[in-house]
């Protein structure tokens, strides 16, 4: 079995790096904000701070959460999140629905708006 020659290997690596971050094919994972100005902020309110979604956690709206359960209905991802918020632990239902380049978010049964992926 032959390995890739150094110039070919380097070109392949450069191509992978140029492709940008990968979200494992999941359109929901990543960092989102109601306003792109909020993408660089840490903390704050849902109106100003970003929402960060990973495969095991979701952070936003003043809460740091671990995803305990999840299920999909169509494109919608529904989560049961165990969150530290307002100085205590709380179970928060979250729904995330991709809508083109936006992500519609329902947080603790309240519509939070449509967010844009942070660059």
C-alpha atoms as a PDB file:
ATOM      1  CA  UNK A   1       0.000   0.000   0.000  1.00  0.00           C
ATOM      2  CA  UNK A   2       1.418   3.358  -1.019  1.00  0.00           C
ATOM      3  CA  UNK A   3       1.079   6.521   1.029  1.00  0.00           C
ATOM      4  CA  UNK A   4       0.406   9.974  -0.356  1.00  0.00           C
ATOM      5  CA  UNK A   5       3.452  11.862  -1.510  1.00  0.00           C
ATOM      6  CA  UNK A   6       4.184  14.988   0.574  1.00  0.00           C
ATOM      7  CA  UNK A   7       2.965  17.556  -2.023  1.00  0.00           C
ATOM      8  CA  UNK A   8      -0.298  15.670  -2.567  1.00  0.00           C
ATOM      9  CA  UNK A   9      -0.810  15.183   1.178  1.00  0.00           C
ATOM     10  CA  UNK A  10      -0.150  18.900   1.819  1.00  0.00           C
ATOM     11  CA  UNK A  11      -2.621  19.896  -0.900  1.00  0.00           C
ATOM     12  CA  UNK A  12      -5.267  17.569   0.552  1.00  0.00           C
ATOM     13  CA  UNK A  13      -4.777  19.048   4.042  1.00  0.00           C
ATOM     14  CA  UNK A  14      -4.966  22.611   2.689  1.00  0.00           C
ATOM     15  CA  UNK A  15      -8.246  21.745   0.985  1.00  0.00           C
ATOM     16  CA  UNK A  16      -9.707  20.423   4.223  1.00  0.00           C
ATOM     17  CA  UNK A  17      -8.645  23.503   6.178  1.00  0.00           C
ATOM     18  CA  UNK A  18     -10.034  25.868   3.542  1.00  0.00           C
ATOM     19  CA  UNK A  19     -13.432  24.217   3.786  1.00  0.00           C
ATOM     20  CA  UNK A  20     -14.074  25.876   7.165  1.00  0.00           C
ATOM     21  CA  UNK A  21     -15.554  24.414  10.333  1.00  0.00           C
ATOM     22  CA  UNK A  22     -17.528  21.223  10.106  1.00  0.00           C
ATOM     23  CA  UNK A  23     -20.722  20.616  12.040  1.00  0.00           C
ATOM     24  CA  UNK A  24     -20.823  16.893  11.283  1.00  0.00           C
ATOM     25  CA  UNK A  25     -23.512  17.527   8.704  1.00  0.00           C
ATOM     26  CA  UNK A  26     -25.912  18.802  11.362  1.00  0.00           C
ATOM     27  CA  UNK A  27     -27.392  22.195  10.428  1.00  0.00           C
ATOM     28  CA  UNK A  28     -28.252  22.950  14.065  1.00  0.00           C
ATOM     29  CA  UNK A  29     -24.869  22.611  15.787  1.00  0.00           C
ATOM     30  CA  UNK A  30     -22.854  25.810  16.124  1.00  0.00           C
ATOM     31  CA  UNK A  31     -23.103  29.353  17.436  1.00  0.00           C
ATOM     32  CA  UNK A  32     -26.205  31.456  16.722  1.00  0.00           C
ATOM     33  CA  UNK A  33     -27.410  34.976  17.573  1.00  0.00           C
ATOM     34  CA  UNK A  34     -30.532  37.070  17.047  1.00  0.00           C
ATOM     35  CA  UNK A  35     -28.249  39.885  15.888  1.00  0.00           C
ATOM     36  CA  UNK A  36     -24.791  39.220  14.433  1.00  0.00           C
ATOM     37  CA  UNK A  37     -23.390  41.900  16.785  1.00  0.00           C
ATOM     38  CA  UNK A  38     -24.069  39.426  19.602  1.00  0.00           C
ATOM     39  CA  UNK A  39     -21.780  36.773  18.103  1.00  0.00           C
ATOM     40  CA  UNK A  40     -18.711  38.140  19.881  1.00  0.00           C
ATOM     41  CA  UNK A  41     -20.355  38.565  23.278  1.00  0.00           C
ATOM     42  CA  UNK A  42     -20.195  36.305  26.304  1.00  0.00           C
ATOM     43  CA  UNK A  43     -23.135  36.169  28.688  1.00  0.00           C
ATOM     44  CA  UNK A  44     -25.848  38.786  28.557  1.00  0.00           C
ATOM     45  CA  UNK A  45     -29.465  38.400  27.600  1.00  0.00           C
ATOM     46  CA  UNK A  46     -30.911  36.285  24.817  1.00  0.00           C
ATOM     47  CA  UNK A  47     -31.328  39.444  22.784  1.00  0.00           C
ATOM     48  CA  UNK A  48     -27.609  40.202  22.901  1.00  0.00           C
ATOM     49  CA  UNK A  49     -25.667  36.993  23.618  1.00  0.00           C
ATOM     50  CA  UNK A  50     -25.207  34.014  21.296  1.00  0.00           C
ATOM     51  CA  UNK A  51     -26.714  30.558  21.649  1.00  0.00           C
ATOM     52  CA  UNK A  52     -24.137  27.768  21.407  1.00  0.00           C
ATOM     53  CA  UNK A  53     -25.375  24.297  20.459  1.00  0.00           C
ATOM     54  CA  UNK A  54     -23.147  21.208  20.630  1.00  0.00           C
ATOM     55  CA  UNK A  55     -24.028  17.537  20.612  1.00  0.00           C
ATOM     56  CA  UNK A  56     -24.003  17.427  24.445  1.00  0.00           C
ATOM     57  CA  UNK A  57     -24.765  20.974  25.617  1.00  0.00           C
ATOM     58  CA  UNK A  58     -26.613  24.169  24.836  1.00  0.00           C
ATOM     59  CA  UNK A  59     -25.695  27.533  26.330  1.00  0.00           C
ATOM     60  CA  UNK A  60     -27.676  30.739  25.990  1.00  0.00           C
ATOM     61  CA  UNK A  61     -30.295  33.000  27.506  1.00  0.00           C
ATOM     62  CA  UNK A  62     -28.240  33.217  30.695  1.00  0.00           C
ATOM     63  CA  UNK A  63     -28.157  29.431  31.126  1.00  0.00           C
ATOM     64  CA  UNK A  64     -25.514  26.700  30.803  1.00  0.00           C
ATOM     65  CA  UNK A  65     -27.189  23.405  29.974  1.00  0.00           C
ATOM     66  CA  UNK A  66     -26.497  19.725  29.509  1.00  0.00           C
ATOM     67  CA  UNK A  67     -28.713  17.936  27.015  1.00  0.00           C
ATOM     68  CA  UNK A  68     -30.381  15.045  28.823  1.00  0.00           C
ATOM     69  CA  UNK A  69     -32.778  13.842  26.115  1.00  0.00           C
ATOM     70  CA  UNK A  70     -33.471  14.744  22.522  1.00  0.00           C
ATOM     71  CA  UNK A  71     -35.723  13.696  19.688  1.00  0.00           C
ATOM     72  CA  UNK A  72     -36.479  14.888  16.184  1.00  0.00           C
ATOM     73  CA  UNK A  73     -39.797  15.433  14.486  1.00  0.00           C
ATOM     74  CA  UNK A  74     -39.150  16.311  10.869  1.00  0.00           C
ATOM     75  CA  UNK A  75     -36.390  18.938  10.890  1.00  0.00           C
ATOM     76  CA  UNK A  76     -37.211  20.096  14.430  1.00  0.00           C
ATOM     77  CA  UNK A  77     -34.882  19.045  17.239  1.00  0.00           C
ATOM     78  CA  UNK A  78     -36.527  18.950  20.669  1.00  0.00           C
ATOM     79  CA  UNK A  79     -34.322  18.909  23.758  1.00  0.00           C
ATOM     80  CA  UNK A  80     -34.734  18.320  27.454  1.00  0.00           C
ATOM     81  CA  UNK A  81     -31.947  20.416  28.914  1.00  0.00           C
ATOM     82  CA  UNK A  82     -30.757  20.469  32.535  1.00  0.00           C
ATOM     83  CA  UNK A  83     -29.618  24.038  33.082  1.00  0.00           C
ATOM     84  CA  UNK A  84     -27.857  26.201  35.631  1.00  0.00           C
ATOM     85  CA  UNK A  85     -29.738  29.492  35.487  1.00  0.00           C
ATOM     86  CA  UNK A  86     -30.647  32.212  37.964  1.00  0.00           C
ATOM     87  CA  UNK A  87     -28.540  30.507  40.653  1.00  0.00           C
ATOM     88  CA  UNK A  88     -30.299  27.143  40.484  1.00  0.00           C
ATOM     89  CA  UNK A  89     -30.753  23.996  38.390  1.00  0.00           C
ATOM     90  CA  UNK A  90     -33.813  23.860  36.171  1.00  0.00           C
ATOM     91  CA  UNK A  91     -35.129  21.557  33.436  1.00  0.00           C
ATOM     92  CA  UNK A  92     -35.788  23.607  30.300  1.00  0.00           C
ATOM     93  CA  UNK A  93     -37.492  22.363  27.137  1.00  0.00           C
ATOM     94  CA  UNK A  94     -35.858  23.697  23.972  1.00  0.00           C
ATOM     95  CA  UNK A  95     -36.951  23.364  20.337  1.00  0.00           C
ATOM     96  CA  UNK A  96     -34.627  24.169  17.436  1.00  0.00           C
ATOM     97  CA  UNK A  97     -35.946  24.292  13.872  1.00  0.00           C
ATOM     98  CA  UNK A  98     -33.687  25.132  10.909  1.00  0.00           C
ATOM     99  CA  UNK A  99     -35.371  27.514   8.453  1.00  0.00           C
ATOM    100  CA  UNK A 100     -33.029  28.087   5.550  1.00  0.00           C
ATOM    101  CA  UNK A 101     -30.056  30.047   6.937  1.00  0.00           C
ATOM    102  CA  UNK A 102     -31.894  30.754  10.212  1.00  0.00           C
ATOM    103  CA  UNK A 103     -32.631  28.739  13.340  1.00  0.00           C
ATOM    104  CA  UNK A 104     -36.042  29.179  14.981  1.00  0.00           C
ATOM    105  CA  UNK A 105     -35.633  28.783  18.747  1.00  0.00           C
ATOM    106  CA  UNK A 106     -38.239  28.073  21.415  1.00  0.00           C
ATOM    107  CA  UNK A 107     -36.744  28.310  24.914  1.00  0.00           C
ATOM    108  CA  UNK A 108     -38.673  27.185  28.000  1.00  0.00           C
ATOM    109  CA  UNK A 109     -41.892  27.080  25.914  1.00  0.00           C
ATOM    110  CA  UNK A 110     -41.431  30.708  24.751  1.00  0.00           C
ATOM    111  CA  UNK A 111     -40.571  31.630  21.151  1.00  0.00           C
ATOM    112  CA  UNK A 112     -37.156  33.299  21.247  1.00  0.00           C
ATOM    113  CA  UNK A 113     -36.984  34.260  17.568  1.00  0.00           C
ATOM    114  CA  UNK A 114     -35.038  33.254  14.504  1.00  0.00           C
ATOM    115  CA  UNK A 115     -31.270  33.278  14.912  1.00  0.00           C
ATOM    116  CA  UNK A 116     -28.476  33.592  12.350  1.00  0.00           C
ATOM    117  CA  UNK A 117     -25.355  31.420  12.420  1.00  0.00           C
ATOM    118  CA  UNK A 118     -22.337  33.343  13.719  1.00  0.00           C
ATOM    119  CA  UNK A 119     -19.389  33.580  11.322  1.00  0.00           C
END
